[in-house]
Amino acid sequence: PTDRRVVVDEAQRADLRAAWVEETGRQPSEPELHEQIGQWVTQEVRVREAQRLGLDRADPIIRARLAEKMAFVATATQPDVMPTEAELRALFAEHKDRYRTPTRITLRQVFTGPDPAAAEHVRLAWSAGADPRELAKLDAPGGPVLRGRTPERLTERYGVAFSDQVEGLEPGAPTIVESTLGWHVVAIQTIDRGGERTFEDVRERVALQWRAIRRRTVTAEADARLLESYEVVGWSP
């Protein structure tokens, strides 16, 4: 049968030789090339046998990889289109908040766990001049000092309510703040509110976003064309 015949032609040898050069930076010797070909033949035989047994049809990882490769083919066959200056500026204007310099907060905290009364005791003592390091009875999640944290990172660790309240504070007196983990007494040391950046500052980032959007658009259009060539029962786009 045809599927039981593995042919190592000159084109395959050239591909394997090129792969070796790309990985090692030199041409393979004849024994090295022979070994590479042997590895390829073994892989080819394994793949064919797996396909014969239907192992590829029920494997979600293989299915996802094949779908991913089809998406790559859809974008790779499209001409490389460069965005115009007007397109980039329009995209920047539409997503200006994405390119802002983020707020960064440095704070010291004392964590008191689930006990709000303990948090109030710490706040009063800290405000009266006590050393917050001596007031800590529990290990603070993330450490006693959080340096240069963005609101997004604070949200990931402590929850949105904690992040929102901390972002609204100013440097100065300690304040009680509740997180998803418990109660904290927090004193802001520094807070940089960030701000808007100019188009020239982030032009390369905007261009990357434009290309990502184009890839998604091209892939969606290719998927739509593929769907038109199939009869799908039980679902419609």
C-alpha atoms as a PDB file:
ATOM      1  CA  PRO A   1       0.000   0.000   0.000  1.00  0.00           C
ATOM      2  CA  THR A   2       1.083   3.581  -0.692  1.00  0.00           C
ATOM      3  CA  ASP A   3       0.821   4.603   2.973  1.00  0.00           C
ATOM      4  CA  ARG A   4       3.347   1.832   3.835  1.00  0.00           C
ATOM      5  CA  ARG A   5       6.011   3.357   1.599  1.00  0.00           C
ATOM      6  CA  VAL A   6       8.252   6.102   3.030  1.00  0.00           C
ATOM      7  CA  VAL A   7      10.296   7.974   0.457  1.00  0.00           C
ATOM      8  CA  VAL A   8      13.333  10.047   1.449  1.00  0.00           C
ATOM      9  CA  ASP A   9      13.882  12.168  -1.649  1.00  0.00           C
ATOM     10  CA  GLU A  10      16.328  15.000  -2.285  1.00  0.00           C
ATOM     11  CA  ALA A  11      13.817  17.623  -1.219  1.00  0.00           C
ATOM     12  CA  GLN A  12      13.406  15.935   2.177  1.00  0.00           C
ATOM     13  CA  ARG A  13      17.173  15.621   2.562  1.00  0.00           C
ATOM     14  CA  ALA A  14      17.536  19.325   1.771  1.00  0.00           C
ATOM     15  CA  ASP A  15      14.886  20.225   4.365  1.00  0.00           C
ATOM     16  CA  LEU A  16      16.608  18.164   7.049  1.00  0.00           C
ATOM     17  CA  ARG A  17      20.002  19.594   6.126  1.00  0.00           C
ATOM     18  CA  ALA A  18      18.606  23.163   6.312  1.00  0.00           C
ATOM     19  CA  ALA A  19      17.030  22.464   9.708  1.00  0.00           C
ATOM     20  CA  TRP A  20      20.377  21.198  10.997  1.00  0.00           C
ATOM     21  CA  VAL A  21      22.206  24.298   9.722  1.00  0.00           C
ATOM     22  CA  GLU A  22      19.615  26.601  11.311  1.00  0.00           C
ATOM     23  CA  GLU A  23      19.986  24.858  14.678  1.00  0.00           C
ATOM     24  CA  THR A  24      23.768  24.354  14.752  1.00  0.00           C
ATOM     25  CA  GLY A  25      25.126  26.999  12.380  1.00  0.00           C
ATOM     26  CA  ARG A  26      27.080  24.437  10.302  1.00  0.00           C
ATOM     27  CA  GLN A  27      26.558  21.756   7.683  1.00  0.00           C
ATOM     28  CA  PRO A  28      25.943  18.230   8.994  1.00  0.00           C
ATOM     29  CA  SER A  29      28.439  15.477   8.358  1.00  0.00           C
ATOM     30  CA  GLU A  30      27.229  12.438   6.437  1.00  0.00           C
ATOM     31  CA  PRO A  31      26.781  10.358   9.642  1.00  0.00           C
ATOM     32  CA  GLU A  32      24.894  13.250  11.267  1.00  0.00           C
ATOM     33  CA  LEU A  33      22.633  13.644   8.245  1.00  0.00           C
ATOM     34  CA  HIS A  34      22.080   9.887   8.162  1.00  0.00           C
ATOM     35  CA  GLU A  35      20.988   9.981  11.812  1.00  0.00           C
ATOM     36  CA  GLN A  36      18.675  12.955  11.152  1.00  0.00           C
ATOM     37  CA  ILE A  37      17.047  11.101   8.285  1.00  0.00           C
ATOM     38  CA  GLY A  38      16.604   8.041  10.498  1.00  0.00           C
ATOM     39  CA  GLN A  39      14.855  10.142  13.142  1.00  0.00           C
ATOM     40  CA  TRP A  40      12.580  11.664  10.509  1.00  0.00           C
ATOM     41  CA  VAL A  41      11.702   8.242   9.075  1.00  0.00           C
ATOM     42  CA  THR A  42      10.865   6.928  12.547  1.00  0.00           C
ATOM     43  CA  GLN A  43       8.667   9.938  13.238  1.00  0.00           C
ATOM     44  CA  GLU A  44       6.928   9.568   9.851  1.00  0.00           C
ATOM     45  CA  VAL A  45       6.200   5.897  10.521  1.00  0.00           C
ATOM     46  CA  ARG A  46       4.860   6.674  14.012  1.00  0.00           C
ATOM     47  CA  VAL A  47       2.615   9.435  12.659  1.00  0.00           C
ATOM     48  CA  ARG A  48       1.194   7.250   9.905  1.00  0.00           C
ATOM     49  CA  GLU A  49       0.557   4.382  12.276  1.00  0.00           C
ATOM     50  CA  ALA A  50      -1.130   6.708  14.777  1.00  0.00           C
ATOM     51  CA  GLN A  51      -3.339   8.056  11.989  1.00  0.00           C
ATOM     52  CA  ARG A  52      -4.138   4.483  10.856  1.00  0.00           C
ATOM     53  CA  LEU A  53      -5.282   3.668  14.388  1.00  0.00           C
ATOM     54  CA  GLY A  54      -7.334   6.892  14.537  1.00  0.00           C
ATOM     55  CA  LEU A  55      -5.353   8.321  17.448  1.00  0.00           C
ATOM     56  CA  ASP A  56      -5.413  11.786  15.888  1.00  0.00           C
ATOM     57  CA  ARG A  57      -9.206  11.977  15.657  1.00  0.00           C
ATOM     58  CA  ALA A  58      -9.937  11.745  19.368  1.00  0.00           C
ATOM     59  CA  ASP A  59      -7.041  13.823  20.679  1.00  0.00           C
ATOM     60  CA  PRO A  60      -8.081  17.419  21.520  1.00  0.00           C
ATOM     61  CA  ILE A  61      -4.455  18.578  21.558  1.00  0.00           C
ATOM     62  CA  ILE A  62      -3.853  17.354  18.011  1.00  0.00           C
ATOM     63  CA  ARG A  63      -7.166  18.842  16.839  1.00  0.00           C
ATOM     64  CA  ALA A  64      -6.274  22.197  18.402  1.00  0.00           C
ATOM     65  CA  ARG A  65      -2.816  22.119  16.829  1.00  0.00           C
ATOM     66  CA  LEU A  66      -4.236  21.371  13.374  1.00  0.00           C
ATOM     67  CA  ALA A  67      -6.766  24.192  13.730  1.00  0.00           C
ATOM     68  CA  GLU A  68      -3.947  26.506  14.823  1.00  0.00           C
ATOM     69  CA  LYS A  69      -1.901  25.556  11.762  1.00  0.00           C
ATOM     70  CA  MET A  70      -4.872  26.289   9.484  1.00  0.00           C
ATOM     71  CA  ALA A  71      -5.170  29.735  11.056  1.00  0.00           C
ATOM     72  CA  PHE A  72      -1.458  30.275  10.422  1.00  0.00           C
ATOM     73  CA  VAL A  73      -1.855  29.196   6.792  1.00  0.00           C
ATOM     74  CA  ALA A  74      -4.692  31.696   6.360  1.00  0.00           C
ATOM     75  CA  THR A  75      -2.519  34.605   7.512  1.00  0.00           C
ATOM     76  CA  ALA A  76       0.730  33.415   5.900  1.00  0.00           C
ATOM     77  CA  THR A  77      -0.808  33.352   2.421  1.00  0.00           C
ATOM     78  CA  GLN A  78      -1.993  36.958   2.658  1.00  0.00           C
ATOM     79  CA  PRO A  79       0.154  39.790   1.288  1.00  0.00           C
ATOM     80  CA  ASP A  80       2.077  41.794   3.865  1.00  0.00           C
ATOM     81  CA  VAL A  81       0.022  44.985   4.113  1.00  0.00           C
ATOM     82  CA  MET A  82       1.508  48.004   5.881  1.00  0.00           C
ATOM     83  CA  PRO A  83      -0.821  50.304   7.813  1.00  0.00           C
ATOM     84  CA  THR A  84      -1.091  53.936   6.821  1.00  0.00           C
ATOM     85  CA  GLU A  85      -0.249  56.713   9.234  1.00  0.00           C
ATOM     86  CA  ALA A  86      -3.934  57.654   9.356  1.00  0.00           C
ATOM     87  CA  GLU A  87      -4.953  54.093  10.292  1.00  0.00           C
ATOM     88  CA  LEU A  88      -2.424  53.974  13.115  1.00  0.00           C
ATOM     89  CA  ARG A  89      -3.462  57.362  14.489  1.00  0.00           C
ATOM     90  CA  ALA A  90      -7.132  56.364  14.357  1.00  0.00           C
ATOM     91  CA  LEU A  91      -6.382  53.153  16.261  1.00  0.00           C
ATOM     92  CA  PHE A  92      -4.376  55.094  18.844  1.00  0.00           C
ATOM     93  CA  ALA A  93      -7.248  57.556  19.340  1.00  0.00           C
ATOM     94  CA  GLU A  94      -9.736  54.691  19.741  1.00  0.00           C
ATOM     95  CA  HIS A  95      -7.669  52.881  22.387  1.00  0.00           C
ATOM     96  CA  LYS A  96      -5.869  55.763  24.051  1.00  0.00           C
ATOM     97  CA  ASP A  97      -6.376  54.408  27.571  1.00  0.00           C
ATOM     98  CA  ARG A  98      -4.489  51.234  26.630  1.00  0.00           C
ATOM     99  CA  TYR A  99      -1.310  53.230  26.085  1.00  0.00           C
ATOM    100  CA  ARG A 100      -1.408  55.286  29.269  1.00  0.00           C
ATOM    101  CA  THR A 101       1.504  55.073  31.665  1.00  0.00           C
ATOM    102  CA  PRO A 102      -0.039  53.049  34.519  1.00  0.00           C
ATOM    103  CA  THR A 103      -0.402  54.287  38.068  1.00  0.00           C
ATOM    104  CA  ARG A 104       2.324  52.859  40.306  1.00  0.00           C
ATOM    105  CA  ILE A 105       1.972  52.621  44.058  1.00  0.00           C
ATOM    106  CA  THR A 106       4.484  51.893  46.788  1.00  0.00           C
ATOM    107  CA  LEU A 107       3.000  51.128  50.198  1.00  0.00           C
ATOM    108  CA  ARG A 108       3.740  49.577  53.568  1.00  0.00           C
ATOM    109  CA  GLN A 109       1.184  47.235  55.063  1.00  0.00           C
ATOM    110  CA  VAL A 110       0.398  45.359  58.260  1.00  0.00           C
ATOM    111  CA  PHE A 111      -1.913  42.392  57.747  1.00  0.00           C
ATOM    112  CA  THR A 112      -4.311  41.419  60.558  1.00  0.00           C
ATOM    113  CA  GLY A 113      -6.214  38.604  58.885  1.00  0.00           C
ATOM    114  CA  PRO A 114      -9.983  38.346  59.422  1.00  0.00           C
ATOM    115  CA  ASP A 115     -10.072  40.579  62.544  1.00  0.00           C
ATOM    116  CA  PRO A 116     -11.135  44.201  61.854  1.00  0.00           C
ATOM    117  CA  ALA A 117     -10.719  45.082  65.544  1.00  0.00           C
ATOM    118  CA  ALA A 118      -7.042  44.093  65.336  1.00  0.00           C
ATOM    119  CA  ALA A 119      -6.716  46.296  62.257  1.00  0.00           C
ATOM    120  CA  GLU A 120      -8.106  49.283  64.168  1.00  0.00           C
ATOM    121  CA  HIS A 121      -5.685  48.634  67.046  1.00  0.00           C
ATOM    122  CA  VAL A 122      -2.759  48.590  64.607  1.00  0.00           C
ATOM    123  CA  ARG A 123      -3.962  51.765  62.888  1.00  0.00           C
ATOM    124  CA  LEU A 124      -4.182  53.683  66.151  1.00  0.00           C
ATOM    125  CA  ALA A 125      -0.766  52.489  67.349  1.00  0.00           C
ATOM    126  CA  TRP A 126       0.861  53.186  63.984  1.00  0.00           C
ATOM    127  CA  SER A 127      -0.686  56.653  63.825  1.00  0.00           C
ATOM    128  CA  ALA A 128       0.665  57.334  67.319  1.00  0.00           C
ATOM    129  CA  GLY A 129       4.213  56.595  66.163  1.00  0.00           C
ATOM    130  CA  ALA A 130       4.664  52.880  66.722  1.00  0.00           C
ATOM    131  CA  ASP A 131       6.948  50.984  64.340  1.00  0.00           C
ATOM    132  CA  PRO A 132       4.695  49.047  61.937  1.00  0.00           C
ATOM    133  CA  ARG A 133       7.258  46.235  61.774  1.00  0.00           C
ATOM    134  CA  GLU A 134       6.725  45.604  65.490  1.00  0.00           C
ATOM    135  CA  LEU A 135       2.931  45.694  65.112  1.00  0.00           C
ATOM    136  CA  ALA A 136       2.847  42.885  62.560  1.00  0.00           C
ATOM    137  CA  LYS A 137       1.695  39.581  64.042  1.00  0.00           C
ATOM    138  CA  LEU A 138       1.021  37.841  60.718  1.00  0.00           C
ATOM    139  CA  ASP A 139       3.022  37.612  57.509  1.00  0.00           C
ATOM    140  CA  ALA A 140       1.672  40.154  55.065  1.00  0.00           C
ATOM    141  CA  PRO A 141       0.637  38.627  51.707  1.00  0.00           C
ATOM    142  CA  GLY A 142       3.149  39.886  49.183  1.00  0.00           C
ATOM    143  CA  GLY A 143       5.439  41.244  51.899  1.00  0.00           C
ATOM    144  CA  PRO A 144       5.340  44.246  54.256  1.00  0.00           C
ATOM    145  CA  VAL A 145       6.337  46.680  51.468  1.00  0.00           C
ATOM    146  CA  LEU A 146       4.819  46.608  47.992  1.00  0.00           C
ATOM    147  CA  ARG A 147       6.927  48.635  45.570  1.00  0.00           C
ATOM    148  CA  GLY A 148       5.755  50.137  42.291  1.00  0.00           C
ATOM    149  CA  ARG A 149       2.607  48.024  42.033  1.00  0.00           C
ATOM    150  CA  THR A 150       0.023  48.852  39.401  1.00  0.00           C
ATOM    151  CA  PRO A 151      -3.704  48.720  40.245  1.00  0.00           C
ATOM    152  CA  GLU A 152      -3.978  45.683  37.951  1.00  0.00           C
ATOM    153  CA  ARG A 153      -1.382  43.751  39.969  1.00  0.00           C
ATOM    154  CA  LEU A 154      -3.033  44.747  43.240  1.00  0.00           C
ATOM    155  CA  THR A 155      -6.380  43.539  41.900  1.00  0.00           C
ATOM    156  CA  GLU A 156      -4.888  40.172  40.914  1.00  0.00           C
ATOM    157  CA  ARG A 157      -3.520  39.593  44.430  1.00  0.00           C
ATOM    158  CA  TYR A 158      -5.943  41.379  46.749  1.00  0.00           C
ATOM    159  CA  GLY A 159      -9.175  41.991  44.814  1.00  0.00           C
ATOM    160  CA  VAL A 160     -10.728  44.962  43.038  1.00  0.00           C
ATOM    161  CA  ALA A 161     -12.140  46.621  46.189  1.00  0.00           C
ATOM    162  CA  PHE A 162      -8.679  46.727  47.787  1.00  0.00           C
ATOM    163  CA  SER A 163      -7.086  48.077  44.615  1.00  0.00           C
ATOM    164  CA  ASP A 164      -9.739  50.761  44.119  1.00  0.00           C
ATOM    165  CA  GLN A 165      -9.482  52.004  47.704  1.00  0.00           C
ATOM    166  CA  VAL A 166      -5.678  52.022  47.721  1.00  0.00           C
ATOM    167  CA  GLU A 167      -5.575  53.897  44.408  1.00  0.00           C
ATOM    168  CA  GLY A 168      -7.755  56.593  45.963  1.00  0.00           C
ATOM    169  CA  LEU A 169      -5.391  57.177  48.921  1.00  0.00           C
ATOM    170  CA  GLU A 170      -2.643  59.764  49.248  1.00  0.00           C
ATOM    171  CA  PRO A 171       0.717  59.358  50.994  1.00  0.00           C
ATOM    172  CA  GLY A 172       0.407  59.849  54.713  1.00  0.00           C
ATOM    173  CA  ALA A 173      -1.454  58.315  57.621  1.00  0.00           C
ATOM    174  CA  PRO A 174      -2.209  54.580  57.774  1.00  0.00           C
ATOM    175  CA  THR A 175      -5.677  53.490  56.643  1.00  0.00           C
ATOM    176  CA  ILE A 176      -7.629  50.264  57.107  1.00  0.00           C
ATOM    177  CA  VAL A 177      -8.387  48.489  53.827  1.00  0.00           C
ATOM    178  CA  GLU A 178     -10.193  45.179  53.319  1.00  0.00           C
ATOM    179  CA  SER A 179      -9.061  42.680  50.678  1.00  0.00           C
ATOM    180  CA  THR A 180     -10.238  39.254  49.601  1.00  0.00           C
ATOM    181  CA  LEU A 181      -7.652  37.883  52.064  1.00  0.00           C
ATOM    182  CA  GLY A 182      -8.627  39.875  55.144  1.00  0.00           C
ATOM    183  CA  TRP A 183      -7.867  43.253  56.733  1.00  0.00           C
ATOM    184  CA  HIS A 184      -4.798  45.391  56.070  1.00  0.00           C
ATOM    185  CA  VAL A 185      -3.508  48.603  57.556  1.00  0.00           C
ATOM    186  CA  VAL A 186      -1.905  50.461  54.684  1.00  0.00           C
ATOM    187  CA  ALA A 187       0.243  53.590  54.440  1.00  0.00           C
ATOM    188  CA  ILE A 188       1.007  54.938  50.981  1.00  0.00           C
ATOM    189  CA  GLN A 189       4.663  55.883  50.585  1.00  0.00           C
ATOM    190  CA  THR A 190       4.587  57.094  46.976  1.00  0.00           C
ATOM    191  CA  ILE A 191       1.977  57.118  44.221  1.00  0.00           C
ATOM    192  CA  ASP A 192       2.656  58.012  40.599  1.00  0.00           C
ATOM    193  CA  ARG A 193      -0.665  58.610  38.864  1.00  0.00           C
ATOM    194  CA  GLY A 194       0.748  57.902  35.404  1.00  0.00           C
ATOM    195  CA  GLY A 195      -0.761  59.722  32.445  1.00  0.00           C
ATOM    196  CA  GLU A 196      -1.393  59.806  28.739  1.00  0.00           C
ATOM    197  CA  ARG A 197       1.388  59.188  26.236  1.00  0.00           C
ATOM    198  CA  THR A 198       1.752  60.711  22.800  1.00  0.00           C
ATOM    199  CA  PHE A 199       1.282  58.775  19.571  1.00  0.00           C
ATOM    200  CA  GLU A 200       4.992  59.171  18.805  1.00  0.00           C
ATOM    201  CA  ASP A 201       5.883  57.541  22.155  1.00  0.00           C
ATOM    202  CA  VAL A 202       3.904  54.385  21.434  1.00  0.00           C
ATOM    203  CA  ARG A 203       3.858  54.193  17.641  1.00  0.00           C
ATOM    204  CA  GLU A 204       5.490  50.742  17.563  1.00  0.00           C
ATOM    205  CA  ARG A 205       2.997  49.344  20.074  1.00  0.00           C
ATOM    206  CA  VAL A 206       0.116  50.718  18.019  1.00  0.00           C
ATOM    207  CA  ALA A 207       1.554  49.100  14.889  1.00  0.00           C
ATOM    208  CA  LEU A 208       1.757  45.746  16.700  1.00  0.00           C
ATOM    209  CA  GLN A 209      -1.863  46.067  17.774  1.00  0.00           C
ATOM    210  CA  TRP A 210      -2.884  46.916  14.192  1.00  0.00           C
ATOM    211  CA  ARG A 211      -1.146  43.770  12.897  1.00  0.00           C
ATOM    212  CA  ALA A 212      -2.800  41.624  15.574  1.00  0.00           C
ATOM    213  CA  ILE A 213      -6.224  42.984  14.624  1.00  0.00           C
ATOM    214  CA  ARG A 214      -5.499  42.336  10.950  1.00  0.00           C
ATOM    215  CA  ARG A 215      -4.454  38.733  11.693  1.00  0.00           C
ATOM    216  CA  ARG A 216      -7.719  38.143  13.569  1.00  0.00           C
ATOM    217  CA  THR A 217      -9.711  39.693  10.715  1.00  0.00           C
ATOM    218  CA  VAL A 218      -7.968  37.620   8.042  1.00  0.00           C
ATOM    219  CA  THR A 219      -8.445  34.444  10.087  1.00  0.00           C
ATOM    220  CA  ALA A 220     -12.137  35.182  10.646  1.00  0.00           C
ATOM    221  CA  GLU A 221     -12.667  35.775   6.918  1.00  0.00           C
ATOM    222  CA  ALA A 222     -10.875  32.502   6.073  1.00  0.00           C
ATOM    223  CA  ASP A 223     -12.995  30.642   8.623  1.00  0.00           C
ATOM    224  CA  ALA A 224     -16.155  32.100   7.077  1.00  0.00           C
ATOM    225  CA  ARG A 225     -15.093  30.915   3.611  1.00  0.00           C
ATOM    226  CA  LEU A 226     -14.366  27.437   4.963  1.00  0.00           C
ATOM    227  CA  LEU A 227     -17.739  27.255   6.692  1.00  0.00           C
ATOM    228  CA  GLU A 228     -19.476  28.127   3.421  1.00  0.00           C
ATOM    229  CA  SER A 229     -17.970  24.993   1.867  1.00  0.00           C
ATOM    230  CA  TYR A 230     -19.393  22.700   4.569  1.00  0.00           C
ATOM    231  CA  GLU A 231     -22.907  21.667   5.513  1.00  0.00           C
ATOM    232  CA  VAL A 232     -23.185  22.103   9.271  1.00  0.00           C
ATOM    233  CA  VAL A 233     -26.125  20.363  10.963  1.00  0.00           C
ATOM    234  CA  GLY A 234     -27.375  21.539  14.348  1.00  0.00           C
ATOM    235  CA  TRP A 235     -25.640  24.917  14.450  1.00  0.00           C
ATOM    236  CA  SER A 236     -25.513  28.091  12.405  1.00  0.00           C
ATOM    237  CA  PRO A 237     -23.209  31.098  12.719  1.00  0.00           C
END
